Each structure stands twice: as C-alpha cells, then as structure tokens.
Amino acid sequence: MIGRLRGMLVETGESDLVIDVGGVGYVVTCGARTLSRLPAAGEELTLMVESQWSQENGPRLYGFLAKDERKAFTTLIAIQGVGPKAALGVLDVLPPGELAGAVAREDKAAVGRANGVGPKLAQRIVTELKGKTLGEVTFTPSGLPGGPVPAAAPSVAGEAVSALLGLGMPEMNARRAVDQAITRLGDEADVSAVIKAALQELGR
C-alpha cells in the first residue's frame, strides 16, 4: 500500500496527475482543489496518498497535499453511500476545517453543494461525522454539557470565498482563485488582501 509519493510533477489532467518517482510514473486521482494548488510541471511534489481498490476500476491512488485532507477523505468514504468521487467533491467545496464547522452547525446545505451529494446523503454525512476526529480537527467542538455547540470561527479563505460568491462568482472558480491567492501571499494574509489577489487571479 502506498501512503506517500515524492517526485517530479510530470503533467496534470482534469481529475488526475502523473508524478515521476525514481523513473516510475504514478497516475494519481485528485480533487479540483488539490489540482489548483500544484506547482508547475517539472517541479518537485510531495503527495499524501490513499490507495483504494475496486472491482470496476482496479487499483487507484488518490492524492492530497496535506495529511488532514487524506484523513478527511478516508473518514468520508467510510460512510455508507459516499464513494471516492463524492468524498473528493465534498473536500473541493469544504476543506477539512470548513467541513468541521459545517458539521458542528449541522449545515447539511453546505455539504450538499458538493457534486454527487444529494440532501439525504448530505444529512447522513453531517450525522455520522459528529464526534469524529481527523488530524487536529474534531468535528464536534467541545462545549459545556447540554449547552449550545459553538460555531467554528470563519477562516480567511472561507470569508474570501463568501465575498466572491456574493459578487456572483461560480463557487469552484472562487475557491480556486482564493487558494491561489493564499499560496502567493502566504497564510498570514488578511481577508481584504486575499480577496484583492483572488480577483486578480480571476481576471487573468
């Protein structure tokens, strides 16, 4: 079983990439959010990998840029009715931290924005993720027994995406532009700077 790959990025497609590790080219399936954050072809890349096998597709590798993303993926596909494609779709619209916030708020509508996830499946995901932990993220924030569950604080990325959605931008384009802006500016950038940089990315 392969858990990590480090090598040179050869090329990317609509839903996968090829990474050369010691002269062997591995085809790795990735979500749109991961593909939007990759380095240029020819540069070094490290992927966290989840290996899956099915009768229809045989062996397949799924790649992520962070351990919490891979953990969220494996947690999602353990839920009945959630396959790899739907799990990637969820993580495209809700990175792990934002997914944790949506689960804490019981926001099934946010989960239901993912491709391939209908209202019933979104409700099941929210219900079954409560109390689960992935990496450093717990899906149920701690609170006083019997008290209300506090909502997760919005992230810079989440606020920037919301602002772009308010301007009428398609969600996938907004998230891709925000990810690219944060990659360029760094994690310490404030919301206004990220929004400005994201608009520049969308204007290219």
Protein backbone atom coordinates (compact mmCIF):
# COMPACT_ATOMS: atom_id res chain seq x y z
CA MET A 1 0.00 0.00 0.00
CA ILE A 2 1.32 3.44 -0.97
CA GLY A 3 0.88 6.23 1.59
CA ARG A 4 3.18 8.94 0.27
CA LEU A 5 4.85 9.87 -3.02
CA ARG A 6 7.64 12.37 -3.56
CA GLY A 7 8.91 13.12 -7.03
CA MET A 8 8.61 15.37 -10.07
CA LEU A 9 5.24 16.51 -11.35
CA VAL A 10 5.05 15.42 -14.99
CA GLU A 11 1.59 16.57 -16.05
CA THR A 12 -1.93 17.22 -14.83
CA GLY A 13 -5.32 16.37 -16.29
CA GLU A 14 -8.91 17.24 -15.42
CA SER A 15 -9.04 14.84 -12.49
CA ASP A 16 -5.55 13.37 -12.09
CA LEU A 17 -1.83 13.93 -12.35
CA VAL A 18 1.31 11.99 -13.18
CA ILE A 19 4.20 12.09 -10.71
CA ASP A 20 7.60 10.60 -11.58
CA VAL A 21 9.20 8.80 -8.64
CA GLY A 22 12.54 7.21 -9.46
CA GLY A 23 11.67 6.86 -13.13
CA VAL A 24 8.21 5.36 -12.49
CA GLY A 25 5.21 7.47 -13.42
CA TYR A 26 2.30 7.14 -10.99
CA VAL A 27 -1.19 8.27 -12.04
CA VAL A 28 -2.91 9.83 -9.01
CA THR A 29 -6.53 10.96 -8.89
CA CYS A 30 -7.03 14.31 -7.15
CA GLY A 31 -9.83 16.75 -6.38
CA ALA A 32 -10.12 20.06 -8.22
CA ARG A 33 -8.93 21.98 -5.16
CA THR A 34 -5.73 19.92 -4.96
CA LEU A 35 -5.09 20.25 -8.69
CA SER A 36 -5.45 24.04 -8.47
CA ARG A 37 -2.67 24.25 -5.84
CA LEU A 38 0.01 22.19 -7.58
CA PRO A 39 3.44 23.51 -8.57
CA ALA A 40 4.38 23.80 -12.24
CA ALA A 41 5.21 20.71 -14.27
CA GLY A 42 8.83 19.74 -13.75
CA GLU A 43 8.92 20.83 -10.12
CA GLU A 44 9.14 18.59 -7.07
CA LEU A 45 5.89 17.49 -5.45
CA THR A 46 5.02 15.56 -2.30
CA LEU A 47 1.62 13.88 -2.08
CA MET A 48 -0.16 12.15 0.77
CA VAL A 49 -1.71 9.11 -0.91
CA GLU A 50 -4.66 6.84 -0.15
CA SER A 51 -4.69 3.53 -2.04
CA GLN A 52 -8.08 2.07 -2.99
CA TRP A 53 -9.15 -0.95 -5.00
CA SER A 54 -12.48 -1.71 -6.65
CA GLN A 55 -13.76 -4.43 -8.98
CA GLU A 56 -14.78 -1.79 -11.53
CA ASN A 57 -11.58 0.27 -11.61
CA GLY A 58 -8.93 -1.97 -10.04
CA PRO A 59 -6.21 -0.21 -8.00
CA ARG A 60 -6.33 3.55 -7.82
CA LEU A 61 -4.32 6.18 -5.95
CA TYR A 62 -5.90 9.34 -4.51
CA GLY A 63 -3.57 12.23 -3.71
CA PHE A 64 -3.67 15.13 -1.25
CA LEU A 65 -1.32 17.93 -0.29
CA ALA A 66 -1.93 17.62 3.46
CA LYS A 67 -2.43 14.81 5.95
CA ASP A 68 -5.73 16.22 7.25
CA GLU A 69 -7.15 16.17 3.72
CA ARG A 70 -6.27 12.49 3.33
CA LYS A 71 -7.71 11.72 6.76
CA ALA A 72 -10.93 13.55 5.89
CA PHE A 73 -11.14 11.57 2.65
CA THR A 74 -10.77 8.21 4.40
CA THR A 75 -13.31 9.26 7.04
CA LEU A 76 -15.81 10.28 4.37
CA ILE A 77 -15.53 7.12 2.26
CA ALA A 78 -16.18 5.03 5.37
CA ILE A 79 -19.72 6.46 5.37
CA GLN A 80 -22.27 4.32 3.55
CA GLY A 81 -23.09 5.78 0.14
CA VAL A 82 -20.00 8.01 -0.04
CA GLY A 83 -17.60 6.87 -2.73
CA PRO A 84 -14.21 8.39 -3.59
CA LYS A 85 -15.71 10.75 -6.19
CA ALA A 86 -18.27 12.16 -3.75
CA ALA A 87 -15.64 12.45 -1.00
CA LEU A 88 -13.37 14.46 -3.29
CA GLY A 89 -16.36 16.60 -4.22
CA VAL A 90 -17.03 17.38 -0.57
CA LEU A 91 -13.40 18.36 0.02
CA ASP A 92 -13.46 20.55 -3.10
CA VAL A 93 -16.16 22.75 -1.60
CA LEU A 94 -15.29 22.27 2.09
CA PRO A 95 -11.64 21.80 3.13
CA PRO A 96 -11.31 19.88 6.44
CA GLY A 97 -11.55 22.89 8.74
CA GLU A 98 -14.62 24.27 6.97
CA LEU A 99 -16.17 20.80 6.86
CA ALA A 100 -15.74 20.58 10.63
CA GLY A 101 -17.53 23.90 11.01
CA ALA A 102 -20.38 22.80 8.74
CA VAL A 103 -20.81 19.58 10.74
CA ALA A 104 -20.76 21.50 14.04
CA ARG A 105 -23.51 23.81 12.71
CA GLU A 106 -25.39 20.84 11.21
CA ASP A 107 -25.22 22.71 7.91
CA LYS A 108 -26.25 19.97 5.50
CA ALA A 109 -26.86 22.57 2.78
CA ALA A 110 -23.14 23.41 2.72
CA VAL A 111 -22.22 19.73 2.39
CA GLY A 112 -24.92 19.29 -0.26
CA ARG A 113 -23.14 21.77 -2.56
CA ALA A 114 -20.63 19.04 -3.42
CA ASN A 115 -21.01 17.27 -6.75
CA GLY A 116 -22.71 13.91 -6.34
CA VAL A 117 -24.08 14.66 -2.86
CA GLY A 118 -27.85 14.98 -2.54
CA PRO A 119 -29.80 16.21 0.51
CA LYS A 120 -30.20 12.74 2.08
CA LEU A 121 -26.52 11.90 1.70
CA ALA A 122 -25.54 15.34 3.00
CA GLN A 123 -27.64 14.72 6.12
CA ARG A 124 -26.02 11.31 6.60
CA ILE A 125 -22.54 12.81 6.30
CA VAL A 126 -23.31 15.51 8.88
CA THR A 127 -24.84 12.97 11.26
CA GLU A 128 -22.07 10.39 11.00
CA LEU A 129 -19.18 12.87 11.19
CA LYS A 130 -20.24 14.23 14.58
CA GLY A 131 -17.65 13.32 17.16
CA LYS A 132 -15.14 12.10 14.58
CA THR A 133 -11.57 13.42 14.60
CA LEU A 134 -9.19 13.84 11.70
CA GLY A 135 -5.68 15.00 12.42
CA GLU A 136 -6.04 18.08 14.61
CA VAL A 137 -9.65 18.77 13.59
CA THR A 138 -12.58 17.42 15.60
CA PHE A 139 -16.00 17.54 14.01
CA THR A 140 -17.77 18.33 17.29
CA PRO A 141 -16.30 21.38 19.07
CA SER A 142 -16.06 20.97 22.84
CA GLY A 143 -18.61 22.86 24.91
CA LEU A 144 -20.43 22.71 28.22
CA PRO A 145 -22.56 19.57 28.60
CA GLY A 146 -26.07 20.33 27.44
CA GLY A 147 -25.03 23.74 26.17
CA PRO A 148 -25.15 25.00 22.59
CA VAL A 149 -22.44 23.88 20.22
CA PRO A 150 -20.35 26.90 19.24
CA ALA A 151 -19.92 27.60 15.54
CA ALA A 152 -16.42 27.36 14.18
CA ALA A 153 -14.74 30.68 13.54
CA PRO A 154 -14.68 31.52 9.84
CA SER A 155 -11.31 31.18 8.16
CA VAL A 156 -9.71 33.81 5.96
CA ALA A 157 -10.23 31.51 2.98
CA GLY A 158 -13.88 30.94 3.90
CA GLU A 159 -14.60 34.65 4.27
CA ALA A 160 -12.85 35.44 0.98
CA VAL A 161 -14.78 32.73 -0.86
CA SER A 162 -18.06 34.01 0.60
CA ALA A 163 -17.24 37.51 -0.58
CA LEU A 164 -16.54 36.29 -4.12
CA LEU A 165 -19.75 34.24 -4.11
CA GLY A 166 -21.58 37.43 -3.15
CA LEU A 167 -20.17 39.02 -6.29
CA GLY A 168 -21.70 36.25 -8.37
CA MET A 169 -18.56 34.17 -8.95
CA PRO A 170 -19.04 30.39 -9.50
CA GLU A 171 -18.03 28.54 -6.35
CA MET A 172 -15.31 26.36 -7.87
CA ASN A 173 -13.72 29.39 -9.57
CA ALA A 174 -13.90 31.38 -6.33
CA ARG A 175 -12.25 28.64 -4.26
CA ARG A 176 -9.54 28.06 -6.86
CA ALA A 177 -8.74 31.78 -7.02
CA VAL A 178 -8.65 32.11 -3.22
CA ASP A 179 -6.35 29.08 -2.89
CA GLN A 180 -4.00 30.55 -5.50
CA ALA A 181 -4.08 33.94 -3.77
CA ILE A 182 -3.22 32.45 -0.36
CA THR A 183 -0.43 30.38 -1.93
CA ARG A 184 1.01 33.58 -3.40
CA LEU A 185 0.50 35.84 -0.35
CA GLY A 186 1.12 33.35 2.46
CA ASP A 187 -1.05 32.11 5.33
CA GLU A 188 -0.73 35.39 7.29
CA ALA A 189 -2.54 37.48 4.65
CA ASP A 190 -5.74 39.21 5.78
CA VAL A 191 -9.13 38.80 4.14
CA SER A 192 -9.07 42.03 2.12
CA ALA A 193 -5.65 41.23 0.63
CA VAL A 194 -6.75 37.70 -0.27
CA ILE A 195 -9.95 38.98 -1.94
CA LYS A 196 -7.98 41.53 -3.95
CA ALA A 197 -5.42 38.94 -5.06
CA ALA A 198 -8.17 36.43 -5.87
CA LEU A 199 -9.92 38.96 -8.09
CA GLN A 200 -6.62 39.49 -9.89
CA GLU A 201 -6.36 35.71 -10.41
CA LEU A 202 -9.89 35.60 -11.82
CA GLY A 203 -9.06 38.47 -14.15
CA ARG A 204 -6.11 36.66 -15.73
